[in-house]
Amino acid sequence: MKASVYIATSLDGFIARENGALDWLPGSSGDEEVEDNNDDFGYKSFMDSIDTLVMGRNTYELVLSSGQWPYGNKHVIVLSRTLTRISDDVPKTVELRSCPPQELYCELERSGAMHLYIDGGKTIQGFLAAGLINEIIITRIPILIGSGISLFGPLAKDVKLKHIETTSFKHDFVQSKYEIRA
């Protein structure tokens, strides 16, 4: 089974402001120039390749607050120690779990899952620390926000990466794909 990260960061490596705000992301404030761009930065192709999305509570709540559920009937697992129920407004393919990444990974592998999308800062950090991530796709947005929520937190050991490819997009976005070296 493969587990991938697909995420955007500021150039200085933050996925959100300290308060969780994403107002620095192009398009978050109705930026017409970016919204008129039909390029999805490979997102649709990536989403077509995955069968299960694993996200943390903060990411889930952010997605819920944005309006319509964007993942259709894709299998989504929300990892949380504090959330007690899933909203009635999402498909029945969304489930709530509270378990370590390794346990969930093994269960999903036994159930026949083939490609996981791991999303959300703490969730990504947990799966990475457990050695469960195979690839990381990072789109760097050309802005420095100075402080915020870092994509990568402290690690018990170095994580070596192999650069696969880098693509430049309109609006000076740069997307790099890395493979985790064992």
N, C-alpha and C. Protein backbone atom coordinates (compact mmCIF):
# COMPACT_ATOMS: atom_id res chain seq x y z
N MET A 1 0.86 -1.18 0.00
CA MET A 1 0.00 0.00 0.00
C MET A 1 0.90 1.24 0.00
N LYS A 2 0.44 2.27 -0.67
CA LYS A 2 1.18 3.51 -0.79
C LYS A 2 0.48 4.60 0.02
N ALA A 3 1.27 5.44 0.70
CA ALA A 3 0.72 6.58 1.44
C ALA A 3 1.42 7.84 0.96
N SER A 4 0.62 8.83 0.53
CA SER A 4 1.16 10.06 -0.06
C SER A 4 0.66 11.29 0.67
N VAL A 5 1.49 12.32 0.63
CA VAL A 5 1.12 13.65 1.11
C VAL A 5 1.05 14.54 -0.11
N TYR A 6 0.00 15.36 -0.19
CA TYR A 6 -0.15 16.36 -1.25
C TYR A 6 -0.58 17.63 -0.53
N ILE A 7 0.29 18.63 -0.50
CA ILE A 7 0.01 19.79 0.34
C ILE A 7 0.69 21.04 -0.20
N ALA A 8 0.17 22.19 0.19
CA ALA A 8 0.79 23.48 -0.16
C ALA A 8 1.40 24.08 1.10
N THR A 9 2.54 24.76 0.91
CA THR A 9 3.15 25.47 2.02
C THR A 9 3.57 26.86 1.54
N SER A 10 3.74 27.75 2.50
CA SER A 10 4.39 29.02 2.19
C SER A 10 5.84 28.69 1.88
N LEU A 11 6.56 29.61 1.30
CA LEU A 11 7.96 29.37 0.96
C LEU A 11 8.78 29.08 2.21
N ASP A 12 8.36 29.62 3.36
CA ASP A 12 9.08 29.35 4.59
C ASP A 12 8.55 28.13 5.34
N GLY A 13 7.75 27.30 4.67
CA GLY A 13 7.40 25.97 5.18
C GLY A 13 6.19 25.85 6.08
N PHE A 14 5.32 26.86 6.07
CA PHE A 14 4.15 26.81 6.93
C PHE A 14 2.91 26.40 6.14
N ILE A 15 2.04 25.61 6.78
CA ILE A 15 0.80 25.17 6.13
C ILE A 15 -0.38 26.05 6.52
N ALA A 16 -0.21 26.84 7.57
CA ALA A 16 -1.26 27.75 8.04
C ALA A 16 -0.62 28.75 8.99
N ARG A 17 -1.35 29.82 9.25
CA ARG A 17 -0.89 30.77 10.28
C ARG A 17 -1.02 30.09 11.64
N GLU A 18 -0.48 30.71 12.67
CA GLU A 18 -0.52 30.11 14.01
C GLU A 18 -1.95 29.87 14.48
N ASN A 19 -2.90 30.70 14.03
CA ASN A 19 -4.31 30.53 14.42
C ASN A 19 -5.06 29.60 13.46
N GLY A 20 -4.34 28.98 12.51
CA GLY A 20 -4.95 28.06 11.56
C GLY A 20 -5.44 28.71 10.28
N ALA A 21 -5.36 30.03 10.19
CA ALA A 21 -5.87 30.75 9.03
C ALA A 21 -5.07 30.44 7.77
N LEU A 22 -5.78 30.38 6.65
CA LEU A 22 -5.17 30.12 5.34
C LEU A 22 -5.31 31.32 4.42
N ASP A 23 -5.50 32.50 4.98
CA ASP A 23 -5.74 33.69 4.18
C ASP A 23 -4.59 34.04 3.24
N TRP A 24 -3.42 33.51 3.45
CA TRP A 24 -2.26 33.76 2.60
C TRP A 24 -2.27 32.90 1.33
N LEU A 25 -3.10 31.87 1.31
CA LEU A 25 -3.19 30.99 0.13
C LEU A 25 -3.92 31.71 -0.99
N PRO A 26 -3.34 31.76 -2.18
CA PRO A 26 -4.05 32.39 -3.31
C PRO A 26 -5.41 31.72 -3.53
N GLY A 27 -6.41 32.54 -3.77
CA GLY A 27 -7.76 32.03 -3.98
C GLY A 27 -8.59 32.03 -2.71
N SER A 28 -7.95 32.11 -1.55
CA SER A 28 -8.71 32.08 -0.29
C SER A 28 -9.49 33.36 -0.06
N SER A 29 -9.08 34.45 -0.73
CA SER A 29 -9.78 35.72 -0.55
C SER A 29 -10.42 36.17 -1.85
N GLY A 30 -10.75 35.21 -2.72
CA GLY A 30 -11.40 35.56 -3.97
C GLY A 30 -10.45 36.12 -5.01
N ASP A 31 -9.20 35.75 -4.94
CA ASP A 31 -8.18 36.22 -5.89
C ASP A 31 -8.56 35.74 -7.29
N GLU A 32 -9.13 36.64 -8.09
CA GLU A 32 -9.64 36.27 -9.41
C GLU A 32 -8.57 35.71 -10.32
N GLU A 33 -7.38 36.27 -10.24
CA GLU A 33 -6.30 35.84 -11.13
C GLU A 33 -6.03 34.35 -10.97
N VAL A 34 -6.01 33.87 -9.73
CA VAL A 34 -5.76 32.45 -9.48
C VAL A 34 -7.01 31.63 -9.80
N GLU A 35 -8.19 32.13 -9.44
CA GLU A 35 -9.41 31.38 -9.68
C GLU A 35 -9.69 31.21 -11.17
N ASP A 36 -9.24 32.14 -12.00
CA ASP A 36 -9.43 32.02 -13.44
C ASP A 36 -8.50 30.99 -14.05
N ASN A 37 -7.48 30.60 -13.33
CA ASN A 37 -6.52 29.63 -13.82
C ASN A 37 -7.16 28.24 -13.79
N ASN A 38 -7.22 27.57 -14.92
CA ASN A 38 -7.83 26.24 -14.97
C ASN A 38 -6.88 25.14 -14.54
N ASP A 39 -5.64 25.45 -14.24
CA ASP A 39 -4.67 24.46 -13.81
C ASP A 39 -4.93 24.10 -12.35
N ASP A 40 -5.10 22.83 -12.08
CA ASP A 40 -5.35 22.40 -10.71
C ASP A 40 -4.09 21.86 -10.04
N PHE A 41 -2.94 22.06 -10.66
CA PHE A 41 -1.64 21.67 -10.11
C PHE A 41 -1.53 20.17 -9.89
N GLY A 42 -2.23 19.40 -10.70
CA GLY A 42 -2.18 17.94 -10.62
C GLY A 42 -3.09 17.34 -9.56
N TYR A 43 -3.91 18.17 -8.93
CA TYR A 43 -4.75 17.70 -7.83
C TYR A 43 -5.78 16.64 -8.27
N LYS A 44 -6.49 16.88 -9.36
CA LYS A 44 -7.50 15.92 -9.81
C LYS A 44 -6.87 14.57 -10.13
N SER A 45 -5.77 14.60 -10.82
CA SER A 45 -5.07 13.36 -11.15
C SER A 45 -4.64 12.63 -9.88
N PHE A 46 -4.12 13.40 -8.92
CA PHE A 46 -3.72 12.80 -7.64
C PHE A 46 -4.93 12.19 -6.94
N MET A 47 -6.03 12.94 -6.85
CA MET A 47 -7.23 12.43 -6.17
C MET A 47 -7.78 11.19 -6.86
N ASP A 48 -7.67 11.14 -8.18
CA ASP A 48 -8.13 9.96 -8.92
C ASP A 48 -7.29 8.73 -8.58
N SER A 49 -6.06 8.95 -8.12
CA SER A 49 -5.15 7.83 -7.83
C SER A 49 -5.32 7.25 -6.44
N ILE A 50 -6.02 7.96 -5.56
CA ILE A 50 -6.14 7.49 -4.18
C ILE A 50 -7.52 6.86 -3.94
N ASP A 51 -7.57 5.95 -2.97
CA ASP A 51 -8.86 5.36 -2.62
C ASP A 51 -9.29 5.71 -1.20
N THR A 52 -8.37 6.21 -0.38
CA THR A 52 -8.70 6.55 1.00
C THR A 52 -7.96 7.81 1.40
N LEU A 53 -8.68 8.72 2.05
CA LEU A 53 -8.09 9.95 2.56
C LEU A 53 -8.11 9.89 4.08
N VAL A 54 -6.96 10.13 4.70
CA VAL A 54 -6.85 10.17 6.16
C VAL A 54 -6.49 11.59 6.55
N MET A 55 -7.33 12.21 7.38
CA MET A 55 -7.08 13.60 7.79
C MET A 55 -7.30 13.73 9.28
N GLY A 56 -6.72 14.79 9.83
CA GLY A 56 -6.92 15.10 11.24
C GLY A 56 -8.16 15.94 11.45
N ARG A 57 -8.49 16.13 12.71
CA ARG A 57 -9.69 16.88 13.08
C ARG A 57 -9.66 18.32 12.58
N ASN A 58 -8.52 18.99 12.73
CA ASN A 58 -8.45 20.39 12.30
C ASN A 58 -8.71 20.52 10.80
N THR A 59 -8.13 19.64 10.01
CA THR A 59 -8.35 19.67 8.57
C THR A 59 -9.82 19.37 8.26
N TYR A 60 -10.39 18.38 8.92
CA TYR A 60 -11.80 18.04 8.73
C TYR A 60 -12.69 19.24 9.02
N GLU A 61 -12.44 19.92 10.15
CA GLU A 61 -13.28 21.07 10.51
C GLU A 61 -13.10 22.22 9.53
N LEU A 62 -11.89 22.40 9.02
CA LEU A 62 -11.65 23.43 8.01
C LEU A 62 -12.41 23.12 6.73
N VAL A 63 -12.38 21.86 6.31
CA VAL A 63 -13.11 21.44 5.11
C VAL A 63 -14.61 21.65 5.31
N LEU A 64 -15.13 21.26 6.47
CA LEU A 64 -16.56 21.44 6.76
C LEU A 64 -16.96 22.91 6.71
N SER A 65 -16.10 23.78 7.20
CA SER A 65 -16.44 25.21 7.25
C SER A 65 -16.43 25.87 5.88
N SER A 66 -15.84 25.20 4.89
CA SER A 66 -15.76 25.80 3.56
C SER A 66 -17.02 25.57 2.72
N GLY A 67 -17.98 24.85 3.26
CA GLY A 67 -19.23 24.65 2.52
C GLY A 67 -19.41 23.22 2.07
N GLN A 68 -19.49 23.01 0.77
CA GLN A 68 -19.79 21.70 0.20
C GLN A 68 -18.64 20.71 0.41
N TRP A 69 -18.96 19.47 0.76
CA TRP A 69 -17.98 18.41 0.96
C TRP A 69 -17.29 18.11 -0.38
N PRO A 70 -15.97 18.30 -0.47
CA PRO A 70 -15.29 18.20 -1.77
C PRO A 70 -14.85 16.80 -2.20
N TYR A 71 -15.05 15.80 -1.37
CA TYR A 71 -14.48 14.48 -1.66
C TYR A 71 -15.48 13.45 -2.16
N GLY A 72 -16.70 13.90 -2.46
CA GLY A 72 -17.71 12.97 -2.97
C GLY A 72 -17.91 11.81 -2.02
N ASN A 73 -17.94 10.60 -2.59
CA ASN A 73 -18.10 9.40 -1.78
C ASN A 73 -16.79 8.67 -1.52
N LYS A 74 -15.67 9.38 -1.68
CA LYS A 74 -14.36 8.80 -1.40
C LYS A 74 -14.31 8.43 0.09
N HIS A 75 -13.66 7.30 0.39
CA HIS A 75 -13.51 6.87 1.78
C HIS A 75 -12.60 7.86 2.50
N VAL A 76 -13.11 8.47 3.57
CA VAL A 76 -12.36 9.44 4.36
C VAL A 76 -12.37 9.00 5.81
N ILE A 77 -11.19 9.01 6.41
CA ILE A 77 -11.06 8.71 7.83
C ILE A 77 -10.56 9.96 8.53
N VAL A 78 -11.29 10.37 9.56
CA VAL A 78 -10.90 11.53 10.37
C VAL A 78 -10.30 10.99 11.66
N LEU A 79 -9.02 11.32 11.88
CA LEU A 79 -8.35 10.90 13.11
C LEU A 79 -8.50 11.99 14.16
N SER A 80 -9.02 11.64 15.33
CA SER A 80 -9.18 12.61 16.40
C SER A 80 -9.30 11.91 17.74
N ARG A 81 -8.70 12.52 18.75
CA ARG A 81 -8.86 12.03 20.12
C ARG A 81 -9.98 12.77 20.83
N THR A 82 -10.42 13.90 20.24
CA THR A 82 -11.41 14.74 20.93
C THR A 82 -12.78 14.78 20.26
N LEU A 83 -12.83 14.57 18.96
CA LEU A 83 -14.10 14.61 18.24
C LEU A 83 -14.93 13.38 18.61
N THR A 84 -16.22 13.56 18.84
CA THR A 84 -17.05 12.43 19.26
C THR A 84 -17.99 11.92 18.18
N ARG A 85 -18.21 12.75 17.13
CA ARG A 85 -19.10 12.29 16.05
C ARG A 85 -18.80 13.05 14.77
N ILE A 86 -19.18 12.43 13.68
CA ILE A 86 -19.03 13.01 12.35
C ILE A 86 -20.33 13.74 12.00
N SER A 87 -20.22 14.84 11.33
CA SER A 87 -21.38 15.63 10.92
C SER A 87 -22.33 14.80 10.05
N ASP A 88 -23.60 15.05 10.19
CA ASP A 88 -24.60 14.38 9.35
C ASP A 88 -24.57 14.90 7.92
N ASP A 89 -23.86 16.01 7.69
CA ASP A 89 -23.80 16.65 6.37
C ASP A 89 -22.78 16.01 5.42
N VAL A 90 -22.08 15.00 5.86
CA VAL A 90 -21.07 14.37 5.00
C VAL A 90 -21.53 12.96 4.63
N PRO A 91 -20.99 12.42 3.54
CA PRO A 91 -21.39 11.06 3.12
C PRO A 91 -21.08 10.01 4.18
N LYS A 92 -21.76 8.91 4.08
CA LYS A 92 -21.58 7.79 5.03
C LYS A 92 -20.21 7.13 4.86
N THR A 93 -19.46 7.53 3.84
CA THR A 93 -18.12 6.97 3.61
C THR A 93 -17.07 7.65 4.49
N VAL A 94 -17.50 8.62 5.31
CA VAL A 94 -16.60 9.30 6.23
C VAL A 94 -16.74 8.66 7.61
N GLU A 95 -15.60 8.29 8.19
CA GLU A 95 -15.65 7.67 9.52
C GLU A 95 -14.66 8.32 10.46
N LEU A 96 -14.96 8.25 11.74
CA LEU A 96 -14.13 8.82 12.78
C LEU A 96 -13.34 7.71 13.45
N ARG A 97 -12.04 7.95 13.64
CA ARG A 97 -11.18 6.96 14.30
C ARG A 97 -10.28 7.66 15.30
N SER A 98 -9.86 6.91 16.30
CA SER A 98 -8.89 7.40 17.28
C SER A 98 -7.92 6.27 17.56
N CYS A 99 -6.87 6.21 16.76
CA CYS A 99 -5.87 5.15 16.91
C CYS A 99 -4.54 5.64 16.36
N PRO A 100 -3.47 4.97 16.74
CA PRO A 100 -2.16 5.37 16.21
C PRO A 100 -2.07 5.12 14.70
N PRO A 101 -1.24 5.89 14.00
CA PRO A 101 -1.10 5.73 12.56
C PRO A 101 -0.78 4.29 12.13
N GLN A 102 0.12 3.63 12.84
CA GLN A 102 0.52 2.27 12.47
C GLN A 102 -0.66 1.31 12.50
N GLU A 103 -1.49 1.43 13.52
CA GLU A 103 -2.67 0.57 13.65
C GLU A 103 -3.64 0.80 12.49
N LEU A 104 -3.92 2.07 12.20
CA LEU A 104 -4.83 2.40 11.10
C LEU A 104 -4.27 1.93 9.77
N TYR A 105 -2.99 2.16 9.55
CA TYR A 105 -2.34 1.75 8.31
C TYR A 105 -2.50 0.23 8.09
N CYS A 106 -2.22 -0.55 9.12
CA CYS A 106 -2.35 -2.01 9.01
C CYS A 106 -3.79 -2.43 8.73
N GLU A 107 -4.75 -1.79 9.39
CA GLU A 107 -6.16 -2.10 9.15
C GLU A 107 -6.56 -1.79 7.71
N LEU A 108 -6.13 -0.63 7.23
CA LEU A 108 -6.47 -0.24 5.86
C LEU A 108 -5.80 -1.17 4.84
N GLU A 109 -4.58 -1.55 5.12
CA GLU A 109 -3.89 -2.47 4.22
C GLU A 109 -4.61 -3.82 4.16
N ARG A 110 -5.04 -4.33 5.34
CA ARG A 110 -5.79 -5.60 5.38
C ARG A 110 -7.13 -5.48 4.66
N SER A 111 -7.73 -4.29 4.69
CA SER A 111 -9.04 -4.10 4.05
C SER A 111 -8.95 -3.94 2.54
N GLY A 112 -7.71 -3.86 2.01
CA GLY A 112 -7.53 -3.77 0.57
C GLY A 112 -7.29 -2.37 0.03
N ALA A 113 -7.13 -1.40 0.92
CA ALA A 113 -6.80 -0.05 0.45
C ALA A 113 -5.48 -0.10 -0.31
N MET A 114 -5.38 0.72 -1.36
CA MET A 114 -4.18 0.70 -2.21
C MET A 114 -3.35 1.98 -2.12
N HIS A 115 -4.03 3.13 -2.00
CA HIS A 115 -3.30 4.40 -2.00
C HIS A 115 -3.97 5.37 -1.05
N LEU A 116 -3.27 5.75 0.01
CA LEU A 116 -3.78 6.68 1.01
C LEU A 116 -3.28 8.09 0.74
N TYR A 117 -4.15 9.05 0.97
CA TYR A 117 -3.79 10.47 0.95
C TYR A 117 -3.80 10.91 2.40
N ILE A 118 -2.65 11.28 2.93
CA ILE A 118 -2.53 11.71 4.31
C ILE A 118 -2.54 13.24 4.32
N ASP A 119 -3.47 13.86 5.08
CA ASP A 119 -3.62 15.31 5.06
C ASP A 119 -3.78 15.85 6.46
N GLY A 120 -3.22 17.03 6.67
CA GLY A 120 -3.29 17.70 7.97
C GLY A 120 -1.95 17.61 8.67
N GLY A 121 -1.50 18.72 9.23
CA GLY A 121 -0.17 18.80 9.82
C GLY A 121 0.18 17.71 10.81
N LYS A 122 -0.61 17.56 11.87
CA LYS A 122 -0.30 16.56 12.90
C LYS A 122 -0.43 15.15 12.34
N THR A 123 -1.39 14.94 11.48
CA THR A 123 -1.59 13.61 10.89
C THR A 123 -0.39 13.25 10.01
N ILE A 124 0.05 14.19 9.19
CA ILE A 124 1.23 13.96 8.35
C ILE A 124 2.44 13.68 9.23
N GLN A 125 2.63 14.49 10.27
CA GLN A 125 3.78 14.30 11.15
C GLN A 125 3.74 12.93 11.83
N GLY A 126 2.56 12.48 12.24
CA GLY A 126 2.43 11.17 12.88
C GLY A 126 2.75 10.02 11.94
N PHE A 127 2.22 10.08 10.73
CA PHE A 127 2.49 9.03 9.75
C PHE A 127 3.96 9.05 9.32
N LEU A 128 4.53 10.24 9.20
CA LEU A 128 5.94 10.35 8.82
C LEU A 128 6.83 9.78 9.93
N ALA A 129 6.55 10.13 11.17
CA ALA A 129 7.34 9.62 12.30
C ALA A 129 7.26 8.10 12.40
N ALA A 130 6.11 7.53 12.00
CA ALA A 130 5.93 6.08 12.04
C ALA A 130 6.52 5.38 10.81
N GLY A 131 7.07 6.18 9.89
CA GLY A 131 7.69 5.59 8.70
C GLY A 131 6.68 5.07 7.69
N LEU A 132 5.51 5.69 7.63
CA LEU A 132 4.43 5.17 6.78
C LEU A 132 4.19 5.97 5.51
N ILE A 133 4.91 7.06 5.30
CA ILE A 133 4.73 7.89 4.10
C ILE A 133 5.69 7.41 3.02
N ASN A 134 5.20 7.25 1.79
CA ASN A 134 6.03 6.85 0.65
C ASN A 134 6.44 8.02 -0.23
N GLU A 135 5.53 9.00 -0.37
CA GLU A 135 5.86 10.15 -1.22
C GLU A 135 5.25 11.42 -0.65
N ILE A 136 5.94 12.53 -0.95
CA ILE A 136 5.48 13.84 -0.51
C ILE A 136 5.47 14.74 -1.73
N ILE A 137 4.32 15.36 -1.98
CA ILE A 137 4.18 16.33 -3.07
C ILE A 137 3.86 17.66 -2.40
N ILE A 138 4.79 18.60 -2.53
CA ILE A 138 4.65 19.91 -1.88
C ILE A 138 4.60 20.99 -2.95
N THR A 139 3.55 21.80 -2.90
CA THR A 139 3.46 22.98 -3.75
C THR A 139 3.82 24.18 -2.90
N ARG A 140 4.91 24.84 -3.26
CA ARG A 140 5.36 26.00 -2.52
C ARG A 140 4.77 27.27 -3.13
N ILE A 141 4.10 28.03 -2.28
CA ILE A 141 3.46 29.28 -2.68
C ILE A 141 4.47 30.41 -2.40
N PRO A 142 4.70 31.29 -3.36
CA PRO A 142 5.73 32.31 -3.19
C PRO A 142 5.32 33.44 -2.24
N ILE A 143 5.27 33.10 -0.96
CA ILE A 143 4.98 34.08 0.08
C ILE A 143 5.70 33.64 1.35
N LEU A 144 6.22 34.60 2.09
CA LEU A 144 6.81 34.34 3.40
C LEU A 144 5.83 34.87 4.44
N ILE A 145 5.38 34.00 5.34
CA ILE A 145 4.43 34.46 6.36
C ILE A 145 5.10 34.58 7.74
N GLY A 146 6.34 34.16 7.85
CA GLY A 146 7.13 34.42 9.05
C GLY A 146 6.95 33.47 10.21
N SER A 147 5.74 33.05 10.46
CA SER A 147 5.48 32.09 11.53
C SER A 147 4.16 31.41 11.22
N GLY A 148 3.93 30.29 11.87
CA GLY A 148 2.70 29.56 11.65
C GLY A 148 2.85 28.12 12.04
N ILE A 149 2.00 27.30 11.46
CA ILE A 149 2.03 25.85 11.71
C ILE A 149 2.95 25.23 10.68
N SER A 150 4.01 24.62 11.16
CA SER A 150 5.00 24.03 10.28
C SER A 150 4.50 22.70 9.73
N LEU A 151 4.81 22.43 8.47
CA LEU A 151 4.46 21.13 7.90
C LEU A 151 5.18 20.01 8.63
N PHE A 152 6.47 20.21 8.89
CA PHE A 152 7.27 19.17 9.53
C PHE A 152 7.65 19.61 10.93
N GLY A 153 7.30 18.79 11.90
CA GLY A 153 7.68 19.06 13.28
C GLY A 153 8.97 18.32 13.61
N PRO A 154 9.28 18.25 14.89
CA PRO A 154 10.48 17.54 15.31
C PRO A 154 10.43 16.07 14.89
N LEU A 155 11.59 15.54 14.53
CA LEU A 155 11.68 14.14 14.12
C LEU A 155 12.70 13.42 15.00
N ALA A 156 12.43 12.16 15.29
CA ALA A 156 13.36 11.35 16.09
C ALA A 156 14.64 11.03 15.32
N LYS A 157 14.52 11.02 13.98
CA LYS A 157 15.69 10.74 13.15
C LYS A 157 15.50 11.43 11.80
N ASP A 158 16.58 11.56 11.06
CA ASP A 158 16.50 12.16 9.74
C ASP A 158 15.62 11.32 8.82
N VAL A 159 14.92 11.98 7.93
CA VAL A 159 14.12 11.31 6.91
C VAL A 159 14.74 11.69 5.57
N LYS A 160 15.32 10.72 4.89
CA LYS A 160 15.99 11.00 3.62
C LYS A 160 14.98 10.90 2.49
N LEU A 161 15.11 11.84 1.56
CA LEU A 161 14.19 11.94 0.44
C LEU A 161 14.95 11.81 -0.87
N LYS A 162 14.26 11.32 -1.88
CA LYS A 162 14.79 11.30 -3.24
C LYS A 162 13.90 12.21 -4.08
N HIS A 163 14.51 13.22 -4.71
CA HIS A 163 13.76 14.13 -5.56
C HIS A 163 13.32 13.38 -6.81
N ILE A 164 12.03 13.43 -7.14
CA ILE A 164 11.49 12.77 -8.32
C ILE A 164 11.32 13.77 -9.45
N GLU A 165 10.64 14.89 -9.14
CA GLU A 165 10.45 15.92 -10.17
C GLU A 165 10.01 17.23 -9.54
N THR A 166 10.23 18.29 -10.28
CA THR A 166 9.76 19.61 -9.88
C THR A 166 9.10 20.26 -11.09
N THR A 167 7.94 20.87 -10.84
CA THR A 167 7.19 21.52 -11.90
C THR A 167 6.90 22.95 -11.48
N SER A 168 7.09 23.88 -12.41
CA SER A 168 6.73 25.28 -12.18
C SER A 168 5.37 25.54 -12.80
N PHE A 169 4.53 26.28 -12.09
CA PHE A 169 3.20 26.62 -12.57
C PHE A 169 3.07 28.12 -12.67
N LYS A 170 1.95 28.56 -13.25
CA LYS A 170 1.63 29.98 -13.27
C LYS A 170 1.60 30.49 -11.84
N HIS A 171 1.70 31.78 -11.68
CA HIS A 171 1.65 32.45 -10.38
C HIS A 171 2.87 32.11 -9.52
N ASP A 172 3.93 31.58 -10.17
CA ASP A 172 5.19 31.28 -9.49
C ASP A 172 5.07 30.15 -8.47
N PHE A 173 4.06 29.29 -8.60
CA PHE A 173 3.96 28.13 -7.73
C PHE A 173 5.00 27.11 -8.22
N VAL A 174 5.64 26.43 -7.26
CA VAL A 174 6.62 25.41 -7.60
C VAL A 174 6.25 24.14 -6.83
N GLN A 175 6.05 23.06 -7.57
CA GLN A 175 5.64 21.80 -6.96
C GLN A 175 6.76 20.77 -7.10
N SER A 176 7.15 20.19 -5.97
CA SER A 176 8.19 19.17 -5.98
C SER A 176 7.64 17.86 -5.43
N LYS A 177 8.05 16.78 -6.06
CA LYS A 177 7.63 15.45 -5.64
C LYS A 177 8.86 14.71 -5.15
N TYR A 178 8.74 14.11 -3.96
CA TYR A 178 9.82 13.37 -3.34
C TYR A 178 9.36 11.96 -2.96
N GLU A 179 10.28 11.05 -3.03
CA GLU A 179 10.06 9.69 -2.56
C GLU A 179 10.82 9.55 -1.24
N ILE A 180 10.21 8.89 -0.28
CA ILE A 180 10.89 8.65 0.98
C ILE A 180 11.84 7.48 0.78
N ARG A 181 13.09 7.68 1.16
CA ARG A 181 14.08 6.61 1.07
C ARG A 181 14.03 5.80 2.34
N ALA A 182 14.05 4.50 2.21
CA ALA A 182 14.00 3.63 3.40
C ALA A 182 15.32 3.61 4.14
